[in-house]
Amino acid sequence: MTAHILWVDTTTNEEARALDRAIWDFSTREEPDGAIITQAPGPAPENGQFWSHALDRIKADPDQRYAMARRHLPLPAAWREMAIALRTKIRTARKEKVEYGDLLRELHHLAAMASYAGYGIIQRVPYTRVAALDLSYDRVGFDELLLVGATDGKWMRELWGEPSAHSTAAVLYADMLAADLKRIDADKEREDAERMDLLFGELSSNTRVETRPDAQPTPKRRSLLGWLFGR
């Protein structure tokens, strides 16, 4: 898998994890002037620009706005921009008195998926699993969905009536979310350990040890905290 895969293409836990690491894992490099730069790649650029800046150029076109935002799911701003694009198309359809139920259903499903978990968690859950959840209007409603506004809810009631309940994906699939949280915590703990091993491996390779004729017994090695804080 390459860093160019999108979250909406992920089908396994490992794909989602690897994509998240490709975007947010820090790497260190030395510049020609000796400066040490540590940074994460971040979201993929759009035509050489940060995606939110590139979005400003095409905001008037809801289709382009939707497509660009979708490429950057599950960033919080991407969910919002997709919802805005769909809402714009719904308003146009209503004004022209044409059918808009499919667009409204897509807006509802988008908002319901976003209610599974916040950023920091959801990007490590494969899109295909979230998209396949039963998040129908009658089961989820709209009052608890943060992406659904008052006008959206009014349109939904007009078309589909009152739902049986109002909930979120996080509540309806609490057991699955708990398992994801446990898995992600374990993954991050292991990744943190890997980073520390890499850091100290680099430090060891760059450390020169001077051998003296009157070498003394090797002192007891300090702990990691001792090394960091001089204890």
Protein backbone atom coordinates (compact mmCIF):
# COMPACT_ATOMS: atom_id res chain seq x y z
CA MET A 1 0.00 0.00 0.00
CA THR A 2 1.24 3.50 -0.78
CA ALA A 3 0.64 6.79 0.94
CA HIS A 4 -1.60 7.77 -2.00
CA ILE A 5 -4.48 5.52 -0.94
CA LEU A 6 -7.54 7.39 0.32
CA TRP A 7 -9.43 6.59 3.50
CA VAL A 8 -12.51 5.83 1.38
CA ASP A 9 -10.45 3.05 -0.27
CA THR A 10 -9.51 1.32 2.99
CA THR A 11 -10.97 -2.12 3.57
CA THR A 12 -8.92 -3.49 6.48
CA ASN A 13 -7.72 -2.30 9.88
CA GLU A 14 -4.12 -2.52 8.68
CA GLU A 15 -4.77 -0.35 5.62
CA ALA A 16 -6.39 2.33 7.76
CA ARG A 17 -3.55 2.17 10.31
CA ALA A 18 -0.85 2.38 7.64
CA LEU A 19 -2.55 5.34 5.96
CA ASP A 20 -2.80 7.21 9.25
CA ARG A 21 0.88 6.61 9.95
CA ALA A 22 1.85 7.67 6.42
CA ILE A 23 0.12 11.00 7.02
CA TRP A 24 1.00 11.78 10.63
CA ASP A 25 4.17 9.91 11.60
CA PHE A 26 7.06 12.33 12.12
CA SER A 27 10.31 11.92 10.24
CA THR A 28 13.60 13.75 10.76
CA ARG A 29 16.02 15.03 8.15
CA GLU A 30 19.13 17.19 8.18
CA GLU A 31 19.25 20.22 5.89
CA PRO A 32 22.45 21.21 4.01
CA ASP A 33 23.02 23.97 6.56
CA GLY A 34 22.95 21.43 9.37
CA ALA A 35 19.44 22.29 10.60
CA ILE A 36 17.42 19.33 11.84
CA ILE A 37 13.84 19.30 10.56
CA THR A 38 11.19 17.07 12.11
CA GLN A 39 7.75 17.02 10.55
CA ALA A 40 4.84 14.85 9.46
CA PRO A 41 3.79 14.77 5.79
CA GLY A 42 0.21 15.76 6.62
CA PRO A 43 -2.76 15.47 4.23
CA ALA A 44 -1.91 15.07 0.55
CA PRO A 45 -1.71 18.42 -1.28
CA GLU A 46 -4.08 19.44 -4.07
CA ASN A 47 -2.13 20.82 -7.05
CA GLY A 48 0.74 21.72 -4.75
CA GLN A 49 -1.48 23.51 -2.21
CA PHE A 50 -2.82 22.56 1.18
CA TRP A 51 -6.25 21.14 0.41
CA SER A 52 -8.25 23.76 2.33
CA HIS A 53 -6.54 26.51 0.32
CA ALA A 54 -7.17 24.69 -2.95
CA LEU A 55 -10.80 24.29 -1.91
CA ASP A 56 -11.27 28.07 -1.89
CA ARG A 57 -10.85 28.11 -5.67
CA ILE A 58 -13.66 25.65 -6.39
CA LYS A 59 -16.17 26.27 -3.58
CA ALA A 60 -18.76 27.62 -6.01
CA ASP A 61 -18.93 24.23 -7.73
CA PRO A 62 -20.63 21.75 -5.35
CA ASP A 63 -19.52 18.71 -7.35
CA GLN A 64 -15.84 19.67 -7.23
CA ARG A 65 -16.20 20.72 -3.60
CA TYR A 66 -17.73 17.35 -2.74
CA ALA A 67 -15.07 15.38 -4.64
CA MET A 68 -12.12 17.23 -3.10
CA ALA A 69 -13.51 16.96 0.42
CA ARG A 70 -14.17 13.24 -0.05
CA ARG A 71 -10.50 12.68 -0.91
CA HIS A 72 -9.62 14.06 2.53
CA LEU A 73 -12.06 12.13 4.69
CA PRO A 74 -12.17 11.55 7.60
CA LEU A 75 -10.71 14.96 8.51
CA PRO A 76 -13.41 16.94 10.38
CA ALA A 77 -13.40 19.74 7.79
CA ALA A 78 -13.85 17.19 5.00
CA TRP A 79 -17.09 15.87 6.54
CA ARG A 80 -18.36 19.45 6.85
CA GLU A 81 -17.42 20.42 3.30
CA MET A 82 -19.12 17.36 1.85
CA ALA A 83 -22.26 18.18 3.81
CA ILE A 84 -22.19 21.78 2.55
CA ALA A 85 -21.82 20.58 -1.05
CA LEU A 86 -24.75 18.19 -0.71
CA ARG A 87 -26.86 20.86 0.99
CA THR A 88 -26.15 23.26 -1.89
CA LYS A 89 -27.30 20.67 -4.42
CA ILE A 90 -30.44 19.94 -2.38
CA ARG A 91 -31.34 23.63 -2.27
CA THR A 92 -30.89 23.87 -6.03
CA ALA A 93 -33.07 20.81 -6.57
CA ARG A 94 -35.80 22.19 -4.33
CA LYS A 95 -35.70 25.52 -6.14
CA GLU A 96 -36.02 23.76 -9.48
CA LYS A 97 -38.71 21.48 -8.06
CA VAL A 98 -36.91 18.27 -8.94
CA GLU A 99 -36.36 15.12 -6.87
CA TYR A 100 -33.72 15.42 -4.14
CA GLY A 101 -34.41 12.44 -1.90
CA ASP A 102 -31.22 10.61 -2.92
CA LEU A 103 -29.10 13.66 -2.10
CA LEU A 104 -30.78 14.06 1.28
CA ARG A 105 -30.31 10.37 2.03
CA GLU A 106 -26.61 10.70 1.19
CA LEU A 107 -26.35 13.69 3.53
CA HIS A 108 -28.00 11.67 6.30
CA HIS A 109 -25.71 8.68 5.75
CA LEU A 110 -22.65 10.93 5.74
CA ALA A 111 -23.68 12.49 9.05
CA ALA A 112 -24.47 9.08 10.53
CA MET A 113 -21.04 7.67 9.56
CA ALA A 114 -19.32 10.71 11.07
CA SER A 115 -21.08 9.97 14.37
CA TYR A 116 -19.15 6.72 14.87
CA ALA A 117 -16.02 8.35 16.35
CA GLY A 118 -14.06 11.56 16.28
CA TYR A 119 -10.81 12.19 14.49
CA GLY A 120 -7.99 10.39 16.24
CA ILE A 121 -10.05 7.19 16.16
CA ILE A 122 -12.13 6.99 13.01
CA GLN A 123 -9.20 7.32 10.59
CA ARG A 124 -7.93 3.97 11.92
CA VAL A 125 -11.23 2.25 11.18
CA PRO A 126 -11.58 1.14 7.54
CA TYR A 127 -14.10 3.13 5.55
CA THR A 128 -15.82 0.08 4.10
CA ARG A 129 -16.71 -1.18 7.58
CA VAL A 130 -18.18 2.16 8.67
CA ALA A 131 -20.03 2.62 5.37
CA ALA A 132 -21.61 -0.86 5.68
CA LEU A 133 -23.21 -0.21 9.08
CA ASP A 134 -27.00 -0.12 9.29
CA LEU A 135 -27.50 3.61 9.80
CA SER A 136 -30.94 4.05 8.29
CA TYR A 137 -32.99 7.16 8.98
CA ASP A 138 -35.57 5.26 11.00
CA ARG A 139 -32.86 3.77 13.21
CA VAL A 140 -30.58 6.79 13.68
CA GLY A 141 -32.88 9.75 13.17
CA PHE A 142 -31.12 13.11 13.01
CA ASP A 143 -31.30 15.03 16.30
CA GLU A 144 -28.02 13.52 17.58
CA LEU A 145 -26.08 13.93 14.32
CA LEU A 146 -23.78 16.94 14.46
CA LEU A 147 -23.63 17.39 10.69
CA VAL A 148 -27.41 17.64 10.35
CA GLY A 149 -28.75 21.17 10.75
CA ALA A 150 -32.25 22.30 11.66
CA THR A 151 -33.23 22.84 8.02
CA ASP A 152 -31.83 19.43 7.05
CA GLY A 153 -33.94 17.83 9.77
CA LYS A 154 -37.03 19.67 8.52
CA TRP A 155 -36.46 18.34 4.99
CA MET A 156 -36.00 14.81 6.35
CA ARG A 157 -39.23 14.96 8.31
CA GLU A 158 -41.05 16.24 5.25
CA LEU A 159 -39.87 13.34 3.10
CA TRP A 160 -39.64 10.45 5.57
CA GLY A 161 -41.73 11.36 8.59
CA GLU A 162 -40.67 11.02 12.20
CA PRO A 163 -37.96 8.38 12.86
CA SER A 164 -38.41 5.68 15.48
CA ALA A 165 -35.40 6.94 17.44
CA HIS A 166 -32.59 9.47 17.48
CA SER A 167 -29.13 8.04 18.11
CA THR A 168 -25.57 7.85 16.78
CA ALA A 169 -23.37 5.18 15.25
CA ALA A 170 -21.22 5.26 18.40
CA VAL A 171 -24.20 4.31 20.56
CA LEU A 172 -25.69 1.76 18.20
CA TYR A 173 -22.35 0.03 17.67
CA ALA A 174 -20.85 0.55 21.11
CA ASP A 175 -19.32 -2.94 21.29
CA MET A 176 -17.61 -2.54 17.93
CA LEU A 177 -16.32 0.89 18.92
CA ALA A 178 -14.99 -0.49 22.21
CA ALA A 179 -13.09 -3.18 20.29
CA ASP A 180 -11.70 -0.55 17.91
CA LEU A 181 -10.56 1.63 20.81
CA LYS A 182 -8.79 -1.31 22.46
CA ARG A 183 -7.09 -2.26 19.17
CA ILE A 184 -6.03 1.29 18.38
CA ASP A 185 -4.63 1.86 21.88
CA ALA A 186 -2.57 -1.33 21.56
CA ASP A 187 -1.34 -0.31 18.10
CA LYS A 188 -0.29 3.13 19.30
CA GLU A 189 1.50 1.72 22.33
CA ARG A 190 3.47 -0.61 20.06
CA GLU A 191 4.20 2.21 17.61
CA ASP A 192 5.47 4.45 20.41
CA ALA A 193 7.83 1.70 21.51
CA GLU A 194 9.07 1.30 17.94
CA ARG A 195 9.76 5.03 17.71
CA MET A 196 11.74 4.99 20.94
CA ASP A 197 13.78 2.00 19.75
CA LEU A 198 14.52 3.82 16.51
CA LEU A 199 15.45 7.04 18.33
CA PHE A 200 17.87 5.34 20.70
CA GLY A 201 19.26 3.19 17.93
CA GLU A 202 20.17 6.37 16.04
CA LEU A 203 21.62 7.93 19.19
CA SER A 204 23.75 4.86 19.85
CA SER A 205 25.08 4.79 16.28
CA ASN A 206 26.10 8.45 16.54
CA THR A 207 27.78 8.18 19.93
CA ARG A 208 31.56 7.73 20.03
CA VAL A 209 33.05 5.91 22.98
CA GLU A 210 36.66 6.84 23.87
CA THR A 211 38.73 3.92 25.16
CA ARG A 212 41.16 4.90 27.92
CA PRO A 213 44.13 2.79 29.17
CA ASP A 214 42.81 3.00 32.70
CA ALA A 215 39.31 1.94 31.78
CA GLN A 216 36.99 1.68 34.76
CA PRO A 217 34.16 -0.81 35.21
CA THR A 218 31.13 0.09 33.10
CA PRO A 219 28.71 2.10 35.25
CA LYS A 220 25.14 0.96 35.60
CA ARG A 221 23.08 2.13 32.66
CA ARG A 222 20.59 4.84 33.46
CA SER A 223 16.92 4.39 32.70
CA LEU A 224 15.21 6.23 29.86
CA LEU A 225 13.75 8.78 32.27
CA GLY A 226 17.16 9.18 33.87
CA TRP A 227 18.72 9.89 30.48
CA LEU A 228 15.99 12.38 29.57
CA PHE A 229 15.95 14.25 32.86
CA GLY A 230 19.55 13.83 34.02
CA ARG A 231 18.80 11.52 36.93
